[in-house]
N, C-alpha and C. Protein backbone atom coordinates (compact mmCIF):
# COMPACT_ATOMS: atom_id res chain seq x y z
N MET A 1 1.26 3.54 -11.58
CA MET A 1 1.44 2.12 -11.78
C MET A 1 0.77 1.73 -13.08
N ALA A 2 1.50 1.08 -13.91
CA ALA A 2 0.97 0.66 -15.19
C ALA A 2 0.32 -0.71 -15.06
N CYS A 3 -0.76 -0.88 -15.77
CA CYS A 3 -1.42 -2.17 -15.79
C CYS A 3 -0.61 -3.10 -16.68
N ARG A 4 -0.32 -4.26 -16.20
CA ARG A 4 0.49 -5.21 -16.96
C ARG A 4 -0.35 -6.26 -17.64
N GLY A 5 -1.58 -5.92 -17.91
CA GLY A 5 -2.46 -6.89 -18.54
C GLY A 5 -3.44 -7.45 -17.52
N VAL A 6 -4.45 -8.06 -18.03
CA VAL A 6 -5.49 -8.61 -17.17
C VAL A 6 -5.24 -10.08 -16.96
N ARG A 7 -5.21 -10.48 -15.74
CA ARG A 7 -5.11 -11.90 -15.40
C ARG A 7 -6.48 -12.34 -14.91
N ARG A 8 -6.90 -13.43 -15.38
CA ARG A 8 -8.22 -13.94 -14.99
C ARG A 8 -8.05 -15.12 -14.04
N TRP A 9 -8.59 -14.98 -12.87
CA TRP A 9 -8.65 -16.04 -11.88
C TRP A 9 -10.11 -16.29 -11.58
N PRO A 10 -10.40 -17.44 -11.04
CA PRO A 10 -11.79 -17.63 -10.59
C PRO A 10 -12.14 -16.52 -9.61
N THR A 11 -13.32 -15.98 -9.75
CA THR A 11 -13.73 -14.87 -8.90
C THR A 11 -13.86 -15.35 -7.46
N PRO A 12 -13.06 -14.76 -6.57
CA PRO A 12 -13.17 -15.16 -5.15
C PRO A 12 -14.44 -14.58 -4.55
N ASN A 13 -14.93 -15.21 -3.56
CA ASN A 13 -16.07 -14.72 -2.83
C ASN A 13 -15.55 -13.83 -1.71
N VAL A 14 -15.54 -12.54 -1.93
CA VAL A 14 -15.02 -11.59 -0.95
C VAL A 14 -16.20 -11.05 -0.16
N ARG A 15 -16.11 -11.21 1.14
CA ARG A 15 -17.20 -10.75 1.99
C ARG A 15 -16.78 -9.47 2.71
N ILE A 16 -17.63 -8.45 2.56
CA ILE A 16 -17.42 -7.19 3.27
C ILE A 16 -18.76 -6.82 3.89
N PRO A 17 -18.73 -5.94 4.88
CA PRO A 17 -20.01 -5.52 5.47
C PRO A 17 -20.92 -4.90 4.39
N GLU A 18 -22.20 -5.18 4.52
CA GLU A 18 -23.18 -4.69 3.55
C GLU A 18 -23.11 -3.18 3.40
N GLU A 19 -22.92 -2.48 4.52
CA GLU A 19 -22.86 -1.02 4.47
C GLU A 19 -21.68 -0.54 3.61
N ALA A 20 -20.55 -1.22 3.74
CA ALA A 20 -19.37 -0.86 2.95
C ALA A 20 -19.61 -1.12 1.47
N ARG A 21 -20.21 -2.27 1.16
CA ARG A 21 -20.51 -2.60 -0.23
C ARG A 21 -21.46 -1.57 -0.82
N ASP A 22 -22.52 -1.24 -0.08
CA ASP A 22 -23.50 -0.28 -0.58
C ASP A 22 -22.89 1.10 -0.78
N ARG A 23 -22.01 1.50 0.14
CA ARG A 23 -21.36 2.80 0.00
C ARG A 23 -20.46 2.83 -1.23
N LEU A 24 -19.67 1.77 -1.41
CA LEU A 24 -18.79 1.72 -2.59
C LEU A 24 -19.61 1.68 -3.88
N ALA A 25 -20.71 0.94 -3.87
CA ALA A 25 -21.57 0.88 -5.07
C ALA A 25 -22.16 2.24 -5.38
N ALA A 26 -22.56 3.00 -4.35
CA ALA A 26 -23.12 4.34 -4.56
C ALA A 26 -22.07 5.28 -5.12
N ILE A 27 -20.86 5.20 -4.60
CA ILE A 27 -19.76 6.05 -5.10
C ILE A 27 -19.47 5.70 -6.55
N ALA A 28 -19.42 4.41 -6.85
CA ALA A 28 -19.16 3.97 -8.23
C ALA A 28 -20.26 4.45 -9.16
N ALA A 29 -21.52 4.28 -8.75
CA ALA A 29 -22.64 4.70 -9.58
C ALA A 29 -22.62 6.20 -9.83
N ALA A 30 -22.25 6.98 -8.82
CA ALA A 30 -22.17 8.44 -8.98
C ALA A 30 -21.12 8.84 -10.02
N GLU A 31 -20.14 7.97 -10.22
CA GLU A 31 -19.10 8.23 -11.22
C GLU A 31 -19.39 7.50 -12.53
N GLY A 32 -20.59 6.91 -12.62
CA GLY A 32 -20.98 6.22 -13.84
C GLY A 32 -20.22 4.94 -14.08
N MET A 33 -19.82 4.29 -13.00
CA MET A 33 -19.02 3.07 -13.12
C MET A 33 -19.71 1.93 -12.39
N SER A 34 -19.38 0.71 -12.81
CA SER A 34 -19.81 -0.46 -12.05
C SER A 34 -18.91 -0.57 -10.83
N LEU A 35 -19.37 -1.30 -9.85
CA LEU A 35 -18.56 -1.50 -8.65
C LEU A 35 -17.24 -2.18 -9.01
N ARG A 36 -17.29 -3.17 -9.89
CA ARG A 36 -16.08 -3.88 -10.29
C ARG A 36 -15.08 -2.91 -10.97
N ALA A 37 -15.57 -2.07 -11.87
CA ALA A 37 -14.69 -1.12 -12.56
C ALA A 37 -14.13 -0.10 -11.57
N TYR A 38 -14.96 0.35 -10.64
CA TYR A 38 -14.52 1.31 -9.65
C TYR A 38 -13.41 0.73 -8.78
N LEU A 39 -13.60 -0.51 -8.33
CA LEU A 39 -12.59 -1.16 -7.48
C LEU A 39 -11.30 -1.38 -8.27
N ALA A 40 -11.40 -1.72 -9.53
CA ALA A 40 -10.20 -1.90 -10.36
C ALA A 40 -9.44 -0.60 -10.48
N ARG A 41 -10.17 0.51 -10.71
CA ARG A 41 -9.53 1.81 -10.80
C ARG A 41 -8.92 2.21 -9.47
N LEU A 42 -9.62 1.97 -8.39
CA LEU A 42 -9.11 2.27 -7.06
C LEU A 42 -7.83 1.52 -6.77
N ALA A 43 -7.79 0.25 -7.14
CA ALA A 43 -6.60 -0.58 -6.91
C ALA A 43 -5.38 -0.02 -7.64
N GLU A 44 -5.59 0.58 -8.79
CA GLU A 44 -4.49 1.16 -9.55
C GLU A 44 -3.92 2.40 -8.88
N THR A 45 -4.68 3.03 -8.00
CA THR A 45 -4.22 4.27 -7.36
C THR A 45 -3.56 4.04 -6.01
N LEU A 46 -3.67 2.82 -5.48
CA LEU A 46 -3.12 2.53 -4.16
C LEU A 46 -1.79 1.82 -4.27
N LEU A 47 -0.97 2.02 -3.26
CA LEU A 47 0.34 1.39 -3.21
C LEU A 47 0.37 0.33 -2.12
N THR A 48 1.13 -0.71 -2.35
CA THR A 48 1.35 -1.71 -1.30
C THR A 48 2.33 -1.11 -0.30
N PRO A 49 2.43 -1.67 0.90
CA PRO A 49 3.42 -1.16 1.86
C PRO A 49 4.84 -1.17 1.29
N ALA A 50 5.20 -2.20 0.54
CA ALA A 50 6.54 -2.25 -0.05
C ALA A 50 6.74 -1.14 -1.07
N GLU A 51 5.71 -0.86 -1.87
CA GLU A 51 5.81 0.22 -2.86
C GLU A 51 5.93 1.58 -2.17
N ARG A 52 5.17 1.77 -1.07
CA ARG A 52 5.29 3.04 -0.32
C ARG A 52 6.69 3.19 0.25
N ALA A 53 7.24 2.11 0.80
CA ALA A 53 8.58 2.16 1.36
C ALA A 53 9.60 2.49 0.29
N ASP A 54 9.47 1.87 -0.88
CA ASP A 54 10.39 2.16 -1.99
C ASP A 54 10.31 3.62 -2.40
N GLN A 55 9.09 4.16 -2.49
CA GLN A 55 8.94 5.57 -2.86
C GLN A 55 9.53 6.49 -1.80
N ALA A 56 9.30 6.17 -0.54
CA ALA A 56 9.84 6.99 0.54
C ALA A 56 11.36 6.94 0.53
N ARG A 57 11.91 5.76 0.34
CA ARG A 57 13.37 5.61 0.30
C ARG A 57 13.96 6.42 -0.87
N ALA A 58 13.33 6.35 -2.03
CA ALA A 58 13.81 7.09 -3.20
C ALA A 58 13.74 8.59 -2.95
N ALA A 59 12.65 9.06 -2.34
CA ALA A 59 12.51 10.49 -2.07
C ALA A 59 13.55 10.96 -1.06
N LEU A 60 13.79 10.17 -0.02
CA LEU A 60 14.80 10.56 0.97
C LEU A 60 16.20 10.55 0.37
N THR A 61 16.47 9.58 -0.47
CA THR A 61 17.78 9.52 -1.12
C THR A 61 17.98 10.74 -2.01
N GLU A 62 16.93 11.09 -2.76
CA GLU A 62 17.02 12.27 -3.64
C GLU A 62 17.19 13.54 -2.83
N TRP A 63 16.47 13.62 -1.73
CA TRP A 63 16.48 14.84 -0.91
C TRP A 63 17.79 15.01 -0.15
N THR A 64 18.30 13.90 0.42
CA THR A 64 19.47 14.01 1.29
C THR A 64 20.76 13.49 0.66
N GLY A 65 20.63 12.66 -0.37
CA GLY A 65 21.81 12.05 -0.96
C GLY A 65 22.30 10.85 -0.15
N TYR A 66 21.60 10.53 0.92
CA TYR A 66 21.99 9.42 1.79
C TYR A 66 21.32 8.15 1.32
N ALA A 67 22.10 7.12 1.04
CA ALA A 67 21.54 5.85 0.58
C ALA A 67 22.26 4.70 1.29
N PRO A 68 21.77 4.32 2.47
CA PRO A 68 22.43 3.23 3.19
C PRO A 68 22.29 1.90 2.44
N GLY A 69 23.30 1.09 2.57
CA GLY A 69 23.26 -0.24 1.98
C GLY A 69 22.47 -1.19 2.85
N PRO A 70 22.28 -2.42 2.39
CA PRO A 70 21.49 -3.40 3.16
C PRO A 70 22.02 -3.64 4.56
N ALA A 71 23.33 -3.75 4.73
CA ALA A 71 23.90 -4.00 6.06
C ALA A 71 23.63 -2.83 6.99
N GLU A 72 23.82 -1.62 6.49
CA GLU A 72 23.57 -0.44 7.32
C GLU A 72 22.08 -0.33 7.65
N GLU A 73 21.21 -0.65 6.71
CA GLU A 73 19.77 -0.63 6.98
C GLU A 73 19.42 -1.62 8.10
N ARG A 74 20.01 -2.83 8.05
CA ARG A 74 19.75 -3.81 9.10
C ARG A 74 20.22 -3.29 10.45
N ASP A 75 21.41 -2.66 10.49
CA ASP A 75 21.92 -2.11 11.74
C ASP A 75 21.00 -1.01 12.27
N LEU A 76 20.55 -0.14 11.38
CA LEU A 76 19.66 0.94 11.79
C LEU A 76 18.32 0.39 12.26
N ASP A 77 17.80 -0.62 11.56
CA ASP A 77 16.55 -1.24 11.99
C ASP A 77 16.69 -1.88 13.36
N SER A 78 17.81 -2.54 13.60
CA SER A 78 18.05 -3.16 14.91
C SER A 78 18.11 -2.10 16.00
N GLU A 79 18.78 -1.01 15.72
CA GLU A 79 18.86 0.08 16.71
C GLU A 79 17.48 0.66 16.99
N ARG A 80 16.68 0.87 15.94
CA ARG A 80 15.32 1.38 16.13
C ARG A 80 14.52 0.41 16.98
N ASP A 81 14.58 -0.88 16.66
CA ASP A 81 13.83 -1.88 17.41
C ASP A 81 14.26 -1.92 18.88
N ARG A 82 15.57 -1.80 19.12
CA ARG A 82 16.08 -1.79 20.47
C ARG A 82 15.52 -0.60 21.25
N ARG A 83 15.52 0.57 20.63
CA ARG A 83 15.02 1.78 21.30
C ARG A 83 13.53 1.69 21.54
N LEU A 84 12.77 1.15 20.58
CA LEU A 84 11.33 1.00 20.77
C LEU A 84 11.03 0.04 21.90
N ALA A 85 11.78 -1.06 21.97
CA ALA A 85 11.57 -2.02 23.05
C ALA A 85 11.87 -1.39 24.40
N ARG A 86 12.93 -0.60 24.46
CA ARG A 86 13.29 0.07 25.72
C ARG A 86 12.21 1.06 26.11
N ALA A 87 11.67 1.81 25.14
CA ALA A 87 10.63 2.80 25.45
C ALA A 87 9.33 2.11 25.87
N ALA A 88 9.02 0.98 25.25
CA ALA A 88 7.79 0.25 25.60
C ALA A 88 7.88 -0.36 26.99
N ALA A 89 9.09 -0.65 27.43
CA ALA A 89 9.28 -1.27 28.76
C ALA A 89 9.10 -0.25 29.89
N ARG A 90 9.12 1.01 29.56
CA ARG A 90 9.00 2.04 30.62
C ARG A 90 7.62 2.16 31.14
């Protein structure tokens, strides 16, 4: 993922457990980074659920050659949901 420039917003007050903050700060310090720089680098390595889905879809299309259109995807999703609901009812 390429960085598209820095956007500056007012710094939000993000609250996390103290243990998590201390652990992240220790990891960042061990790499010679500030916590802010470490978190920025970490964010660049992670994908959103939509990005993961896009990558998975592209890999499956490349691997199988199968690329369902939006209507077929909706039908398949409906069938999956129907089967999951039936299995959950058991």
